[in-house]
Amino acid sequence: MMALRISAILIAIAILWSFSEANDIPVVDCCMKTSPKRIPLRIVKSYQLQTVGDGCTIQAVIFKTKRGLSLCAPPDQTWVKKLIVMLDSPVTPRRPKGKGKKDKSKGRKKTGTGKRKH
């Protein structure tokens, strides 16, 4: 009877141990399918590559949008490769809009110092 209780306790410990070990494994969020619909660069913040070796069933590129969505795209598509290149390239600073004063009479921006030549 005592041996039966010890065996039951050891089995319970083994089961609890296996559950605690399983919880240390990170959960992988995988794309189950991809969409051929093109994704505009202006909405994409970043990307990551999904491989079969990561525990997923398909290869994909996961684009993260500025609104926090994950969009799955096929990595072999030309538009996907171009989007990755654009995201990896250094950002060139754009000139801010509206820096010059508009000449309301002609609809053009004024240039120079504002002094007239005589």
C-alpha atoms as a PDB file:
ATOM      1  CA  MET A   1       0.000   0.000   0.000  1.00  0.00           C
ATOM      2  CA  MET A   2       2.829   2.397   0.870  1.00  0.00           C
ATOM      3  CA  ALA A   3       4.633   1.529  -2.365  1.00  0.00           C
ATOM      4  CA  LEU A   4       1.482   2.360  -4.317  1.00  0.00           C
ATOM      5  CA  ARG A   5       1.283   5.831  -2.732  1.00  0.00           C
ATOM      6  CA  ILE A   6       4.949   6.522  -3.407  1.00  0.00           C
ATOM      7  CA  SER A   7       4.516   5.429  -7.016  1.00  0.00           C
ATOM      8  CA  ALA A   8       1.466   7.699  -7.429  1.00  0.00           C
ATOM      9  CA  ILE A   9       3.361  10.648  -5.944  1.00  0.00           C
ATOM     10  CA  LEU A  10       6.355  10.034  -8.212  1.00  0.00           C
ATOM     11  CA  ILE A  11       4.088   9.820 -11.281  1.00  0.00           C
ATOM     12  CA  ALA A  12       2.364  13.084 -10.279  1.00  0.00           C
ATOM     13  CA  ILE A  13       5.744  14.796  -9.836  1.00  0.00           C
ATOM     14  CA  ALA A  14       6.908  13.524 -13.232  1.00  0.00           C
ATOM     15  CA  ILE A  15       3.738  14.825 -14.915  1.00  0.00           C
ATOM     16  CA  LEU A  16       4.022  18.240 -13.252  1.00  0.00           C
ATOM     17  CA  TRP A  17       7.705  18.420 -14.171  1.00  0.00           C
ATOM     18  CA  SER A  18       6.958  17.698 -17.830  1.00  0.00           C
ATOM     19  CA  PHE A  19       4.326  20.480 -17.891  1.00  0.00           C
ATOM     20  CA  SER A  20       6.770  22.973 -16.420  1.00  0.00           C
ATOM     21  CA  GLU A  21       9.421  21.998 -18.979  1.00  0.00           C
ATOM     22  CA  ALA A  22       6.918  22.361 -21.842  1.00  0.00           C
ATOM     23  CA  ASN A  23       6.062  25.895 -20.721  1.00  0.00           C
ATOM     24  CA  ASP A  24       9.687  27.000 -21.173  1.00  0.00           C
ATOM     25  CA  ILE A  25       9.437  26.404 -24.924  1.00  0.00           C
ATOM     26  CA  PRO A  26       8.575  29.673 -26.718  1.00  0.00           C
ATOM     27  CA  VAL A  27       5.360  29.651 -28.706  1.00  0.00           C
ATOM     28  CA  VAL A  28       5.922  30.286 -32.409  1.00  0.00           C
ATOM     29  CA  ASP A  29       3.278  32.301 -34.251  1.00  0.00           C
ATOM     30  CA  CYS A  30       3.348  31.057 -37.842  1.00  0.00           C
ATOM     31  CA  CYS A  31       1.692  32.144 -41.065  1.00  0.00           C
ATOM     32  CA  MET A  32      -0.507  29.308 -42.255  1.00  0.00           C
ATOM     33  CA  LYS A  33      -0.849  30.817 -45.761  1.00  0.00           C
ATOM     34  CA  THR A  34       0.383  33.805 -47.706  1.00  0.00           C
ATOM     35  CA  SER A  35      -1.398  36.375 -49.825  1.00  0.00           C
ATOM     36  CA  PRO A  36      -0.227  37.446 -53.294  1.00  0.00           C
ATOM     37  CA  LYS A  37      -1.813  40.896 -52.786  1.00  0.00           C
ATOM     38  CA  ARG A  38       0.854  43.601 -52.822  1.00  0.00           C
ATOM     39  CA  ILE A  39       1.486  45.499 -49.613  1.00  0.00           C
ATOM     40  CA  PRO A  40       2.311  49.229 -49.924  1.00  0.00           C
ATOM     41  CA  LEU A  41       5.593  50.375 -48.379  1.00  0.00           C
ATOM     42  CA  ARG A  42       3.905  53.320 -46.646  1.00  0.00           C
ATOM     43  CA  ILE A  43       2.044  51.021 -44.219  1.00  0.00           C
ATOM     44  CA  VAL A  44       4.953  48.686 -43.356  1.00  0.00           C
ATOM     45  CA  LYS A  45       7.103  49.223 -40.266  1.00  0.00           C
ATOM     46  CA  SER A  46       9.264  46.074 -40.329  1.00  0.00           C
ATOM     47  CA  TYR A  47       9.459  42.462 -41.446  1.00  0.00           C
ATOM     48  CA  GLN A  48      10.739  39.082 -40.366  1.00  0.00           C
ATOM     49  CA  LEU A  49      11.431  35.881 -42.252  1.00  0.00           C
ATOM     50  CA  GLN A  50       9.543  32.717 -41.372  1.00  0.00           C
ATOM     51  CA  THR A  51      11.245  29.433 -42.200  1.00  0.00           C
ATOM     52  CA  VAL A  52      10.200  25.820 -41.968  1.00  0.00           C
ATOM     53  CA  GLY A  53      13.104  25.299 -39.563  1.00  0.00           C
ATOM     54  CA  ASP A  54      11.402  27.642 -37.079  1.00  0.00           C
ATOM     55  CA  GLY A  55       8.682  25.048 -36.565  1.00  0.00           C
ATOM     56  CA  CYS A  56       6.331  26.498 -39.169  1.00  0.00           C
ATOM     57  CA  THR A  57       4.860  24.565 -42.088  1.00  0.00           C
ATOM     58  CA  ILE A  58       5.569  27.155 -44.834  1.00  0.00           C
ATOM     59  CA  GLN A  59       8.156  29.777 -45.665  1.00  0.00           C
ATOM     60  CA  ALA A  60       6.856  33.345 -45.561  1.00  0.00           C
ATOM     61  CA  VAL A  61       7.762  36.971 -45.013  1.00  0.00           C
ATOM     62  CA  ILE A  62       5.793  38.536 -42.173  1.00  0.00           C
ATOM     63  CA  PHE A  63       5.373  42.275 -42.688  1.00  0.00           C
ATOM     64  CA  LYS A  64       4.473  44.231 -39.538  1.00  0.00           C
ATOM     65  CA  THR A  65       2.321  47.266 -40.277  1.00  0.00           C
ATOM     66  CA  LYS A  66       2.356  50.608 -38.488  1.00  0.00           C
ATOM     67  CA  ARG A  67      -1.027  49.651 -37.017  1.00  0.00           C
ATOM     68  CA  GLY A  68       0.372  46.429 -35.542  1.00  0.00           C
ATOM     69  CA  LEU A  69      -0.980  43.917 -38.070  1.00  0.00           C
ATOM     70  CA  SER A  70       1.048  40.949 -39.319  1.00  0.00           C
ATOM     71  CA  LEU A  71       0.684  40.347 -43.053  1.00  0.00           C
ATOM     72  CA  CYS A  72       2.044  37.136 -44.567  1.00  0.00           C
ATOM     73  CA  ALA A  73       3.596  37.275 -48.041  1.00  0.00           C
ATOM     74  CA  PRO A  74       5.260  34.677 -50.282  1.00  0.00           C
ATOM     75  CA  PRO A  75       9.061  35.147 -50.158  1.00  0.00           C
ATOM     76  CA  ASP A  76       9.592  34.163 -53.810  1.00  0.00           C
ATOM     77  CA  GLN A  77       7.529  37.045 -55.255  1.00  0.00           C
ATOM     78  CA  THR A  78       9.461  39.911 -56.876  1.00  0.00           C
ATOM     79  CA  TRP A  79       7.420  42.608 -55.110  1.00  0.00           C
ATOM     80  CA  VAL A  80       8.195  41.020 -51.734  1.00  0.00           C
ATOM     81  CA  LYS A  81      11.943  41.002 -52.463  1.00  0.00           C
ATOM     82  CA  LYS A  82      11.808  44.663 -53.549  1.00  0.00           C
ATOM     83  CA  LEU A  83       9.885  45.639 -50.421  1.00  0.00           C
ATOM     84  CA  ILE A  84      12.519  43.917 -48.254  1.00  0.00           C
ATOM     85  CA  VAL A  85      15.305  45.789 -50.070  1.00  0.00           C
ATOM     86  CA  MET A  86      13.498  49.101 -49.536  1.00  0.00           C
ATOM     87  CA  LEU A  87      12.988  48.356 -45.828  1.00  0.00           C
ATOM     88  CA  ASP A  88      16.652  47.374 -45.420  1.00  0.00           C
ATOM     89  CA  SER A  89      18.033  50.430 -47.225  1.00  0.00           C
ATOM     90  CA  PRO A  90      19.001  53.477 -45.166  1.00  0.00           C
ATOM     91  CA  VAL A  91      16.309  56.128 -45.025  1.00  0.00           C
ATOM     92  CA  THR A  92      17.087  59.251 -47.009  1.00  0.00           C
ATOM     93  CA  PRO A  93      15.825  62.385 -45.266  1.00  0.00           C
ATOM     94  CA  ARG A  94      12.998  64.152 -47.049  1.00  0.00           C
ATOM     95  CA  ARG A  95      12.668  67.889 -47.171  1.00  0.00           C
ATOM     96  CA  PRO A  96       9.815  68.985 -44.948  1.00  0.00           C
ATOM     97  CA  LYS A  97       6.802  70.295 -46.807  1.00  0.00           C
ATOM     98  CA  GLY A  98       5.673  73.871 -46.435  1.00  0.00           C
ATOM     99  CA  LYS A  99       9.035  75.460 -45.501  1.00  0.00           C
ATOM    100  CA  GLY A 100       8.811  78.250 -48.083  1.00  0.00           C
ATOM    101  CA  LYS A 101       6.211  81.003 -48.122  1.00  0.00           C
ATOM    102  CA  LYS A 102       3.717  80.859 -50.943  1.00  0.00           C
ATOM    103  CA  ASP A 103       3.160  83.870 -53.109  1.00  0.00           C
ATOM    104  CA  LYS A 104      -0.633  83.967 -53.125  1.00  0.00           C
ATOM    105  CA  SER A 105      -0.812  86.040 -56.281  1.00  0.00           C
ATOM    106  CA  LYS A 106       1.167  83.588 -58.426  1.00  0.00           C
ATOM    107  CA  GLY A 107       0.804  80.310 -56.480  1.00  0.00           C
ATOM    108  CA  ARG A 108       4.580  79.830 -56.255  1.00  0.00           C
ATOM    109  CA  LYS A 109       6.924  79.685 -53.319  1.00  0.00           C
ATOM    110  CA  LYS A 110       8.966  82.792 -52.687  1.00  0.00           C
ATOM    111  CA  THR A 111      12.708  82.357 -52.784  1.00  0.00           C
ATOM    112  CA  GLY A 112      15.529  84.527 -51.559  1.00  0.00           C
ATOM    113  CA  THR A 113      15.636  86.886 -48.604  1.00  0.00           C
ATOM    114  CA  GLY A 114      12.545  88.882 -49.390  1.00  0.00           C
ATOM    115  CA  LYS A 115      14.528  92.046 -50.259  1.00  0.00           C
ATOM    116  CA  ARG A 116      13.906  93.632 -53.618  1.00  0.00           C
ATOM    117  CA  LYS A 117      16.710  94.502 -55.989  1.00  0.00           C
ATOM    118  CA  HIS A 118      16.652  98.065 -57.376  1.00  0.00           C
END
